[in-house]
Amino acid sequence: MNTSVAIFWFRRDLRLEDNAGLYHALRSGLPVLPLFIFDTEILDKLEDEDDARVHFLHDTIEELKTRLEKQGSTLLVKYGNPLEMWQDILSSYTIEKVFTNRDYEPYAQERDTQVKTLLEKNGISFHTFKDHVIFEKDEVVKGDGAPYVVFTPYSRRWYAKLDEKMVVVEDDNGQKNEISYYFQPYPVQKYVDHFVKTSALPTISLAAMGFRPSDISFPGKTVRQGIIRQYQEQRNFPAIEGTSRLGLHFRFGTISIREKARKAMALSRTFVNELVWRDFYSMILYHFPKVVGAPFRDKYANIPWRNNEEEFKLWCEGKTGYPIVDAGMRELNATGYMHNRVRMIVASFLTKHLLIDWRWGEAYFARKLLDFDLASNNGGWQWAAGCGTDAAPYFRVFNPYSQQEKFDKQFKYIRQWVPEYGTDQYPEPIVDHKMARQRCLDTYKMALDRTEVG
């Protein structure tokens, strides 16, 4: 291709609608060639050949490619180390500009810095945009510019910032509405003629990447308004359809965070709060990258975890003898999903009852969750272990029995995932709750006291 082009690099934004970076690329004045790289720096670390997320990602890329080809364009698909792939792309195309949306994870930032350096050495400008969150980096900070480390004041400032800048937008029906500037959609559809016109390019199969299809089914992109309206009342009960199940789509950007937040504002502030938490943990990861692998609160670095491998295995398999814990782990293993309330229960059980390092649980969730997001997963696990920002205090130990009594009183969720519960086949508890709670309190207190003295 001899014509000068702009490239739009898809990553965690796999959609053609309301896509910030794609919008700016298409308005650049250059024909736009879309690109996706199956990143071996990420894929090679995955443990399971049937990792459902790779299956989902592959299907999504194929769908994007098909849609682009119907418009007379295509999607350039690469598989390998991103820096090496970009060197290959530079030898094949005349590129003036590269556009992409920002990713805040440490690996992604390092990768993008390397790619930017390579591009600029070749006289190519690299343009990045906010798309994955409503507010990023330093947009919601204290008066002195320092990042918030407690959620409640962060959320107050988050909501206040929405109201500081309002715009009038026209919807598809010609209706004009006033919304926050930060919810304003990017009208990509107005510029779709600016994609490169070219014949289809080859793709890559799952098998060629060393993966095979998963039998896990994926949740849809839409959710009934009633679920959002009743979110506050129903979200804690795992036996009912009370949550959106949109996490997978937020993770890969197959839906717009702006669109969902804008619509949810009129239905449920409690649901919007979940999106605020998502922004909060993304901001924490950006400002405090040490949380990848280390506690946010340094004084928790010396907890003497028991790390009993047999107990960890029983937790992973859902065979602890605590039915609400076992139901959650079995749901995760079978579906790639776990109800949010149950995530807190199983995380508390692992870190407090079994005194197993939160990083073990974090890694298992990272392996199994369809909606795995580094910032949110890390934040949730550190919250449960008491060592993160705004964390549950170490002396708060969830009682699995009272949690079950409160949120699955009729045992509907438990019987769905633990059918042998109540029979001789169901195991006895691997640890006594009262003893485990006291052991946890003693262990944490001793370690924290020793740290303060030291």
Protein backbone atom coordinates (compact mmCIF):
# COMPACT_ATOMS: atom_id res chain seq x y z
CA MET A 1 0.00 0.00 0.00
CA ASN A 2 1.76 3.15 -1.26
CA THR A 3 -0.84 5.66 -0.03
CA SER A 4 -0.02 7.38 3.26
CA VAL A 5 -2.33 6.15 6.00
CA ALA A 6 -3.20 6.62 9.64
CA ILE A 7 -3.44 3.47 11.71
CA PHE A 8 -5.96 2.96 14.48
CA TRP A 9 -4.72 0.33 16.92
CA PHE A 10 -7.58 -1.55 18.63
CA ARG A 11 -6.85 -2.88 22.14
CA ARG A 12 -9.47 -2.67 24.94
CA ASP A 13 -11.96 -0.83 22.74
CA LEU A 14 -13.29 -3.46 20.35
CA ARG A 15 -16.20 -1.60 18.80
CA LEU A 16 -16.87 0.78 15.92
CA GLU A 17 -19.37 2.90 17.86
CA ASP A 18 -18.56 5.75 20.28
CA ASN A 19 -14.83 5.03 20.18
CA ALA A 20 -12.69 8.07 21.09
CA GLY A 21 -9.41 7.14 19.42
CA LEU A 22 -11.11 5.75 16.32
CA TYR A 23 -13.15 8.95 15.97
CA HIS A 24 -10.03 11.11 16.03
CA ALA A 25 -8.24 8.81 13.59
CA LEU A 26 -11.09 8.99 11.08
CA ARG A 27 -11.07 12.80 11.32
CA SER A 28 -7.31 13.03 10.76
CA GLY A 29 -7.62 13.62 7.01
CA LEU A 30 -5.86 10.34 6.22
CA PRO A 31 -7.37 7.00 5.17
CA VAL A 32 -7.47 4.83 8.30
CA LEU A 33 -6.22 1.25 8.43
CA PRO A 34 -7.50 -0.52 11.57
CA LEU A 35 -5.08 -2.85 13.37
CA PHE A 36 -5.29 -5.49 16.09
CA ILE A 37 -2.30 -7.35 17.54
CA PHE A 38 -2.76 -10.64 19.41
CA ASP A 39 -0.07 -9.87 21.98
CA THR A 40 2.11 -12.90 22.74
CA GLU A 41 3.54 -11.09 25.78
CA ILE A 42 0.07 -11.59 27.27
CA LEU A 43 -1.14 -14.77 25.55
CA ASP A 44 1.99 -16.80 26.30
CA LYS A 45 1.41 -16.35 30.04
CA LEU A 46 -2.09 -17.89 29.96
CA GLU A 47 -2.31 -21.37 31.46
CA ASP A 48 -5.36 -22.84 29.74
CA GLU A 49 -5.61 -23.80 26.07
CA ASP A 50 -9.37 -23.27 26.25
CA ASP A 51 -9.13 -19.85 27.93
CA ALA A 52 -12.60 -18.46 27.22
CA ARG A 53 -11.35 -14.88 27.02
CA VAL A 54 -9.11 -15.70 24.07
CA HIS A 55 -12.08 -17.39 22.39
CA PHE A 56 -14.21 -14.29 23.03
CA LEU A 57 -11.44 -11.99 21.82
CA HIS A 58 -10.93 -14.02 18.64
CA ASP A 59 -14.67 -14.06 17.87
CA THR A 60 -14.90 -10.32 18.50
CA ILE A 61 -11.97 -9.57 16.19
CA GLU A 62 -13.53 -11.74 13.47
CA GLU A 63 -16.80 -9.85 13.86
CA LEU A 64 -15.04 -6.47 13.65
CA LYS A 65 -13.15 -7.61 10.55
CA THR A 66 -16.36 -8.78 8.86
CA ARG A 67 -18.11 -5.47 9.58
CA LEU A 68 -15.18 -3.48 8.20
CA GLU A 69 -15.02 -5.63 5.07
CA LYS A 70 -18.71 -4.99 4.41
CA GLN A 71 -17.73 -1.31 4.25
CA GLY A 72 -14.99 -2.06 1.71
CA SER A 73 -12.16 -1.89 4.24
CA THR A 74 -10.47 -4.53 6.39
CA LEU A 75 -8.69 -5.19 9.69
CA LEU A 76 -4.97 -5.84 9.80
CA VAL A 77 -4.51 -8.70 12.29
CA LYS A 78 -1.08 -9.54 13.70
CA TYR A 79 0.13 -12.15 16.18
CA GLY A 80 3.38 -11.68 18.08
CA ASN A 81 5.41 -9.28 20.19
CA PRO A 82 3.92 -5.80 19.63
CA LEU A 83 7.24 -4.03 19.07
CA GLU A 84 8.30 -6.65 16.52
CA MET A 85 4.90 -6.45 14.84
CA TRP A 86 5.20 -2.69 14.53
CA GLN A 87 8.63 -3.03 12.93
CA ASP A 88 7.04 -5.36 10.40
CA ILE A 89 4.14 -2.96 9.80
CA LEU A 90 6.53 -0.06 9.22
CA SER A 91 8.21 -2.00 6.43
CA SER A 92 4.87 -2.66 4.71
CA TYR A 93 2.96 0.64 4.96
CA THR A 94 3.56 4.36 4.58
CA ILE A 95 2.28 5.65 7.92
CA GLU A 96 1.93 9.28 9.01
CA LYS A 97 0.01 8.94 12.27
CA VAL A 98 -0.99 6.24 14.75
CA PHE A 99 -4.06 6.56 16.98
CA THR A 100 -5.05 4.43 19.96
CA ASN A 101 -6.88 4.58 23.30
CA ARG A 102 -4.97 4.64 26.56
CA ASP A 103 -4.41 1.62 28.77
CA TYR A 104 -3.30 2.26 32.35
CA GLU A 105 -1.81 -1.10 33.31
CA PRO A 106 1.97 -1.07 33.91
CA TYR A 107 2.75 -3.53 31.11
CA ALA A 108 0.59 -1.60 28.64
CA GLN A 109 2.27 1.70 29.51
CA GLU A 110 5.72 0.20 29.06
CA ARG A 111 4.67 -1.35 25.73
CA ASP A 112 3.19 1.92 24.48
CA THR A 113 6.29 3.87 25.44
CA GLN A 114 8.43 1.48 23.39
CA VAL A 115 6.09 1.67 20.40
CA LYS A 116 5.90 5.47 20.60
CA THR A 117 9.69 5.70 20.61
CA LEU A 118 9.93 3.42 17.58
CA LEU A 119 7.28 5.39 15.68
CA GLU A 120 8.78 8.79 16.45
CA LYS A 121 12.19 7.59 15.27
CA ASN A 122 10.47 6.96 11.95
CA GLY A 123 8.78 10.36 11.88
CA ILE A 124 5.35 9.02 12.85
CA SER A 125 3.25 10.74 15.51
CA PHE A 126 1.53 8.66 18.22
CA HIS A 127 -1.83 9.93 19.53
CA THR A 128 -3.62 8.45 22.55
CA PHE A 129 -7.07 9.13 23.98
CA LYS A 130 -9.21 8.38 27.02
CA ASP A 131 -11.90 5.80 26.25
CA HIS A 132 -11.84 2.97 28.79
CA VAL A 133 -13.00 5.04 31.79
CA ILE A 134 -15.07 8.15 32.47
CA PHE A 135 -12.29 9.89 34.41
CA GLU A 136 -8.62 8.98 34.24
CA LYS A 137 -5.26 9.72 35.85
CA ASP A 138 -5.43 13.21 37.44
CA GLU A 139 -8.96 14.19 36.45
CA VAL A 140 -10.44 13.45 39.88
CA VAL A 141 -7.95 14.47 42.56
CA LYS A 142 -7.83 16.43 45.79
CA GLY A 143 -7.48 20.20 45.87
CA ASP A 144 -3.71 19.90 46.21
CA GLY A 145 -3.48 17.56 43.21
CA ALA A 146 -2.88 14.43 45.27
CA PRO A 147 -4.85 11.29 44.35
CA TYR A 148 -7.72 10.17 46.55
CA VAL A 149 -7.13 6.90 48.37
CA VAL A 150 -10.57 6.66 49.97
CA PHE A 151 -13.56 5.94 47.76
CA THR A 152 -16.28 8.12 49.31
CA PRO A 153 -14.59 11.53 48.82
CA TYR A 154 -13.39 10.34 45.40
CA SER A 155 -16.94 9.47 44.38
CA ARG A 156 -18.28 12.83 45.61
CA ARG A 157 -15.73 14.64 43.46
CA TRP A 158 -16.45 12.26 40.55
CA TYR A 159 -20.15 13.16 40.54
CA ALA A 160 -19.44 16.86 41.06
CA LYS A 161 -17.13 16.90 38.06
CA LEU A 162 -19.87 15.47 35.84
CA ASP A 163 -21.99 18.55 36.50
CA GLU A 164 -19.24 21.08 35.85
CA LYS A 165 -19.48 20.78 32.08
CA MET A 166 -22.80 20.14 30.34
CA VAL A 167 -23.52 19.90 26.61
CA VAL A 168 -26.61 19.48 24.43
CA VAL A 169 -26.56 16.43 22.17
CA GLU A 170 -29.01 15.15 19.60
CA ASP A 171 -29.95 11.47 19.68
CA ASP A 172 -30.75 9.22 16.71
CA ASN A 173 -34.37 10.38 16.78
CA GLY A 174 -33.47 14.06 16.58
CA GLN A 175 -34.30 14.63 20.25
CA LYS A 176 -32.01 17.12 22.00
CA ASN A 177 -30.86 16.36 25.54
CA GLU A 178 -28.50 18.02 27.99
CA ILE A 179 -25.89 15.61 29.33
CA SER A 180 -22.49 15.79 31.00
CA TYR A 181 -19.70 16.58 28.57
CA TYR A 182 -17.94 13.46 29.87
CA PHE A 183 -20.79 11.25 28.64
CA GLN A 184 -20.78 12.81 25.17
CA PRO A 185 -20.58 10.08 22.50
CA TYR A 186 -18.09 10.16 19.63
CA PRO A 187 -20.06 9.98 16.33
CA VAL A 188 -17.78 7.55 14.54
CA GLN A 189 -20.54 6.63 12.07
CA LYS A 190 -20.27 10.06 10.39
CA TYR A 191 -16.78 9.26 9.17
CA VAL A 192 -16.82 5.58 8.24
CA ASP A 193 -16.02 6.50 4.61
CA HIS A 194 -12.55 7.45 5.83
CA PHE A 195 -11.48 3.84 6.40
CA VAL A 196 -8.90 2.57 3.92
CA LYS A 197 -10.58 1.02 0.88
CA THR A 198 -8.83 -2.26 0.26
CA SER A 199 -9.36 -5.97 -0.16
CA ALA A 200 -9.59 -8.32 2.83
CA LEU A 201 -6.41 -9.23 4.65
CA PRO A 202 -5.70 -12.69 6.13
CA THR A 203 -6.64 -13.50 9.70
CA ILE A 204 -5.34 -16.01 12.24
CA SER A 205 -7.10 -19.00 13.78
CA LEU A 206 -7.33 -19.93 17.45
CA ALA A 207 -5.44 -23.12 16.70
CA ALA A 208 -2.57 -21.21 15.09
CA MET A 209 -2.18 -19.30 18.35
CA GLY A 210 -2.16 -22.52 20.41
CA PHE A 211 -5.71 -22.22 21.74
CA ARG A 212 -8.96 -24.10 21.26
CA PRO A 213 -12.60 -23.05 21.64
CA SER A 214 -14.13 -22.86 25.12
CA ASP A 215 -17.54 -24.28 25.96
CA ILE A 216 -18.31 -21.32 28.24
CA SER A 217 -21.14 -19.10 26.98
CA PHE A 218 -20.70 -15.34 26.90
CA PRO A 219 -23.16 -12.80 28.32
CA GLY A 220 -24.83 -10.36 25.94
CA LYS A 221 -24.13 -6.66 25.57
CA THR A 222 -27.60 -5.53 26.59
CA VAL A 223 -29.31 -5.66 29.96
CA ARG A 224 -32.95 -5.16 30.90
CA GLN A 225 -33.74 -1.75 32.35
CA GLY A 226 -35.56 -3.45 35.21
CA ILE A 227 -32.32 -5.03 36.41
CA ILE A 228 -30.66 -1.62 36.60
CA ARG A 229 -33.72 0.00 38.22
CA GLN A 230 -33.79 -2.67 40.94
CA TYR A 231 -30.04 -2.97 41.21
CA GLN A 232 -29.81 -1.59 44.74
CA GLU A 233 -32.45 -3.99 46.05
CA GLN A 234 -31.35 -7.13 44.19
CA ARG A 235 -27.60 -6.92 43.57
CA ASN A 236 -26.59 -8.86 46.70
CA PHE A 237 -28.63 -11.99 46.06
CA PRO A 238 -26.75 -14.49 43.88
CA ALA A 239 -29.76 -16.73 43.18
CA ILE A 240 -31.60 -14.04 41.22
CA GLU A 241 -30.83 -12.15 38.03
CA GLY A 242 -29.94 -8.94 39.80
CA THR A 243 -26.69 -7.80 38.16
CA SER A 244 -25.83 -6.66 34.65
CA ARG A 245 -23.13 -9.22 33.73
CA LEU A 246 -21.55 -6.52 31.55
CA GLY A 247 -18.06 -6.84 33.07
CA LEU A 248 -16.67 -8.85 30.15
CA HIS A 249 -17.81 -6.19 27.69
CA PHE A 250 -16.39 -3.34 29.76
CA ARG A 251 -13.13 -5.28 29.99
CA PHE A 252 -12.71 -5.57 26.21
CA GLY A 253 -14.51 -2.38 25.29
CA THR A 254 -17.20 -4.09 23.22
CA ILE A 255 -19.61 -1.58 24.78
CA SER A 256 -19.13 2.10 25.53
CA ILE A 257 -18.64 3.03 29.19
CA ARG A 258 -20.00 6.51 28.38
CA GLU A 259 -23.24 5.17 26.92
CA LYS A 260 -23.92 2.76 29.79
CA ALA A 261 -23.08 5.34 32.48
CA ARG A 262 -25.26 7.97 30.81
CA LYS A 263 -28.26 5.63 30.62
CA ALA A 264 -27.74 4.27 34.14
CA MET A 265 -27.70 7.75 35.72
CA ALA A 266 -31.46 7.96 35.25
CA LEU A 267 -32.09 4.46 36.59
CA SER A 268 -29.77 3.62 39.49
CA ARG A 269 -27.11 5.64 41.28
CA THR A 270 -26.04 2.40 42.97
CA PHE A 271 -25.22 0.86 39.59
CA VAL A 272 -23.31 3.98 38.54
CA ASN A 273 -21.31 3.66 41.77
CA GLU A 274 -19.94 0.37 40.43
CA LEU A 275 -18.58 2.28 37.44
CA VAL A 276 -17.12 4.87 39.81
CA TRP A 277 -15.33 2.06 41.68
CA ARG A 278 -13.95 0.94 38.32
CA ASP A 279 -12.54 4.43 37.66
CA PHE A 280 -11.23 4.61 41.24
CA TYR A 281 -9.24 1.40 41.01
CA SER A 282 -7.92 2.36 37.56
CA MET A 283 -6.71 5.65 39.05
CA ILE A 284 -5.10 3.85 41.99
CA LEU A 285 -3.24 1.50 39.64
CA TYR A 286 -2.00 4.45 37.59
CA HIS A 287 -0.73 6.41 40.60
CA PHE A 288 0.44 3.45 42.69
CA PRO A 289 1.73 0.74 40.30
CA LYS A 290 3.35 -0.96 43.30
CA VAL A 291 -0.04 -2.55 44.07
CA VAL A 292 0.74 -5.08 41.35
CA GLY A 293 2.37 -7.62 43.62
CA ALA A 294 2.54 -5.59 46.84
CA PRO A 295 0.03 -4.31 49.40
CA PHE A 296 -1.06 -0.69 49.09
CA ARG A 297 -0.59 -0.36 52.85
CA ASP A 298 3.08 -1.17 53.45
CA LYS A 299 2.54 -2.31 57.03
CA TYR A 300 0.65 -5.35 55.72
CA ALA A 301 3.70 -6.63 53.85
CA ASN A 302 4.79 -8.83 56.76
CA ILE A 303 1.64 -10.87 57.42
CA PRO A 304 2.89 -14.46 57.99
CA TRP A 305 0.56 -16.23 55.57
CA ARG A 306 0.04 -19.94 56.19
CA ASN A 307 -0.23 -20.70 52.44
CA ASN A 308 -1.36 -24.30 52.91
CA GLU A 309 -1.37 -25.69 49.36
CA GLU A 310 -3.93 -28.44 50.06
CA GLU A 311 -6.37 -25.96 51.57
CA PHE A 312 -5.83 -23.64 48.61
CA LYS A 313 -6.61 -26.51 46.23
CA LEU A 314 -9.85 -27.27 48.10
CA TRP A 315 -10.79 -23.58 47.93
CA CYS A 316 -10.13 -23.52 44.17
CA GLU A 317 -12.25 -26.63 43.64
CA GLY A 318 -15.12 -25.48 45.87
CA LYS A 319 -14.66 -28.23 48.46
CA THR A 320 -14.14 -26.27 51.68
CA GLY A 321 -17.28 -27.49 53.47
CA TYR A 322 -18.62 -23.93 53.52
CA PRO A 323 -21.50 -24.05 51.03
CA ILE A 324 -21.63 -20.36 50.05
CA VAL A 325 -17.88 -20.41 49.41
CA ASP A 326 -18.03 -23.65 47.46
CA ALA A 327 -20.97 -22.47 45.35
CA GLY A 328 -19.06 -19.37 44.35
CA MET A 329 -15.91 -21.21 43.37
CA ARG A 330 -17.83 -23.79 41.37
CA GLU A 331 -19.77 -21.07 39.57
CA LEU A 332 -16.47 -19.42 38.69
CA ASN A 333 -14.89 -22.64 37.42
CA ALA A 334 -17.94 -23.57 35.33
CA THR A 335 -18.91 -20.18 33.88
CA GLY A 336 -16.01 -17.73 34.22
CA TYR A 337 -18.28 -15.59 36.37
CA MET A 338 -18.94 -15.16 40.08
CA HIS A 339 -21.58 -13.01 41.71
CA ASN A 340 -20.09 -9.86 43.24
CA ARG A 341 -21.30 -10.47 46.80
CA VAL A 342 -19.91 -14.00 46.64
CA ARG A 343 -16.55 -12.70 45.37
CA MET A 344 -16.21 -10.78 48.63
CA ILE A 345 -17.18 -13.84 50.68
CA VAL A 346 -14.72 -16.24 49.01
CA ALA A 347 -11.92 -13.66 49.11
CA SER A 348 -12.47 -13.00 52.81
CA PHE A 349 -12.54 -16.75 53.47
CA LEU A 350 -9.25 -17.38 51.69
CA THR A 351 -7.35 -14.49 53.26
CA LYS A 352 -8.91 -14.47 56.74
CA HIS A 353 -10.12 -18.04 57.49
CA LEU A 354 -7.29 -19.84 55.73
CA LEU A 355 -4.63 -17.10 56.01
CA ILE A 356 -3.60 -17.66 52.42
CA ASP A 357 -1.87 -14.79 50.63
CA TRP A 358 -4.34 -12.58 48.75
CA ARG A 359 -2.03 -12.74 45.72
CA TRP A 360 -2.81 -16.47 45.35
CA GLY A 361 -6.52 -15.72 45.15
CA GLU A 362 -5.95 -12.72 42.91
CA ALA A 363 -3.99 -14.90 40.47
CA TYR A 364 -6.69 -17.59 40.45
CA PHE A 365 -9.36 -15.02 39.67
CA ALA A 366 -7.10 -13.57 36.97
CA ARG A 367 -6.93 -17.01 35.42
CA LYS A 368 -10.64 -17.79 35.56
CA LEU A 369 -12.71 -14.58 35.40
CA LEU A 370 -14.11 -13.61 32.01
CA ASP A 371 -14.29 -10.00 33.23
CA PHE A 372 -10.79 -10.01 34.71
CA ASP A 373 -9.47 -6.48 34.96
CA LEU A 374 -6.13 -5.99 36.69
CA ALA A 375 -7.07 -2.76 38.49
CA SER A 376 -10.45 -3.94 39.80
CA ASN A 377 -9.30 -7.47 40.64
CA ASN A 378 -6.29 -6.19 42.55
CA GLY A 379 -8.37 -3.57 44.33
CA GLY A 380 -11.02 -6.09 45.33
CA TRP A 381 -8.54 -8.61 46.70
CA GLN A 382 -6.58 -6.01 48.66
CA TRP A 383 -9.89 -4.70 50.05
CA ALA A 384 -10.80 -8.20 51.24
CA ALA A 385 -7.38 -8.78 52.78
CA GLY A 386 -7.45 -5.43 54.56
CA CYS A 387 -4.26 -4.16 52.92
CA GLY A 388 -5.64 -1.96 50.13
CA THR A 389 -7.08 1.50 49.75
CA ASP A 390 -10.31 2.10 51.63
CA ALA A 391 -10.05 -1.52 52.73
CA ALA A 392 -12.19 -3.53 55.09
CA PRO A 393 -10.33 -3.42 58.45
CA TYR A 394 -8.36 -6.54 59.24
CA PHE A 395 -10.67 -7.38 62.12
CA ARG A 396 -13.68 -7.55 59.78
CA VAL A 397 -13.98 -11.27 59.02
CA PHE A 398 -17.02 -12.30 56.98
CA ASN A 399 -18.97 -15.11 58.64
CA PRO A 400 -19.89 -17.43 55.71
CA TYR A 401 -22.88 -18.79 57.62
CA SER A 402 -24.43 -15.39 58.33
CA GLN A 403 -23.65 -14.25 54.78
CA GLN A 404 -25.53 -17.27 53.46
CA GLU A 405 -28.41 -16.67 55.86
CA LYS A 406 -28.64 -13.07 54.70
CA PHE A 407 -28.18 -13.46 50.95
CA ASP A 408 -29.16 -17.06 50.10
CA LYS A 409 -31.63 -17.88 52.85
CA GLN A 410 -33.50 -20.48 50.76
CA PHE A 411 -30.25 -22.17 49.61
CA LYS A 412 -31.26 -21.66 45.96
CA TYR A 413 -27.84 -20.52 44.83
CA ILE A 414 -26.08 -23.15 46.92
CA ARG A 415 -28.21 -26.01 45.63
CA GLN A 416 -27.63 -24.88 42.05
CA TRP A 417 -23.86 -25.25 42.38
CA VAL A 418 -23.47 -27.68 45.29
CA PRO A 419 -26.13 -30.35 44.64
CA GLU A 420 -24.60 -32.74 47.16
CA TYR A 421 -25.01 -30.23 49.99
CA GLY A 422 -26.87 -31.88 52.88
CA THR A 423 -25.78 -35.41 51.92
CA ASP A 424 -22.96 -37.65 53.10
CA GLN A 425 -20.99 -36.67 49.99
CA TYR A 426 -20.58 -33.07 51.12
CA PRO A 427 -17.33 -32.52 53.07
CA GLU A 428 -17.03 -31.27 56.61
CA PRO A 429 -15.67 -27.70 56.98
CA ILE A 430 -11.90 -27.65 56.50
CA VAL A 431 -11.58 -25.13 59.32
CA ASP A 432 -13.72 -24.09 62.28
CA HIS A 433 -15.08 -20.57 61.82
CA LYS A 434 -14.63 -19.38 65.41
CA MET A 435 -11.09 -20.72 65.65
CA ALA A 436 -10.15 -19.35 62.22
CA ARG A 437 -11.50 -15.91 63.01
CA GLN A 438 -9.50 -15.67 66.23
CA ARG A 439 -6.37 -17.01 64.51
CA CYS A 440 -6.75 -14.33 61.85
CA LEU A 441 -7.17 -11.52 64.38
CA ASP A 442 -4.18 -12.68 66.38
CA THR A 443 -1.97 -13.15 63.31
CA TYR A 444 -2.78 -9.75 61.79
CA LYS A 445 -2.51 -7.89 65.09
CA MET A 446 0.84 -9.44 65.94
CA ALA A 447 2.28 -8.63 62.49
CA LEU A 448 0.98 -5.07 62.50
CA ASP A 449 2.15 -4.41 66.05
CA ARG A 450 5.59 -5.73 65.17
CA THR A 451 5.72 -3.48 62.10
CA GLU A 452 4.82 -0.39 64.12
CA VAL A 453 7.41 -1.19 66.77
CA GLY A 454 10.03 -1.90 64.14
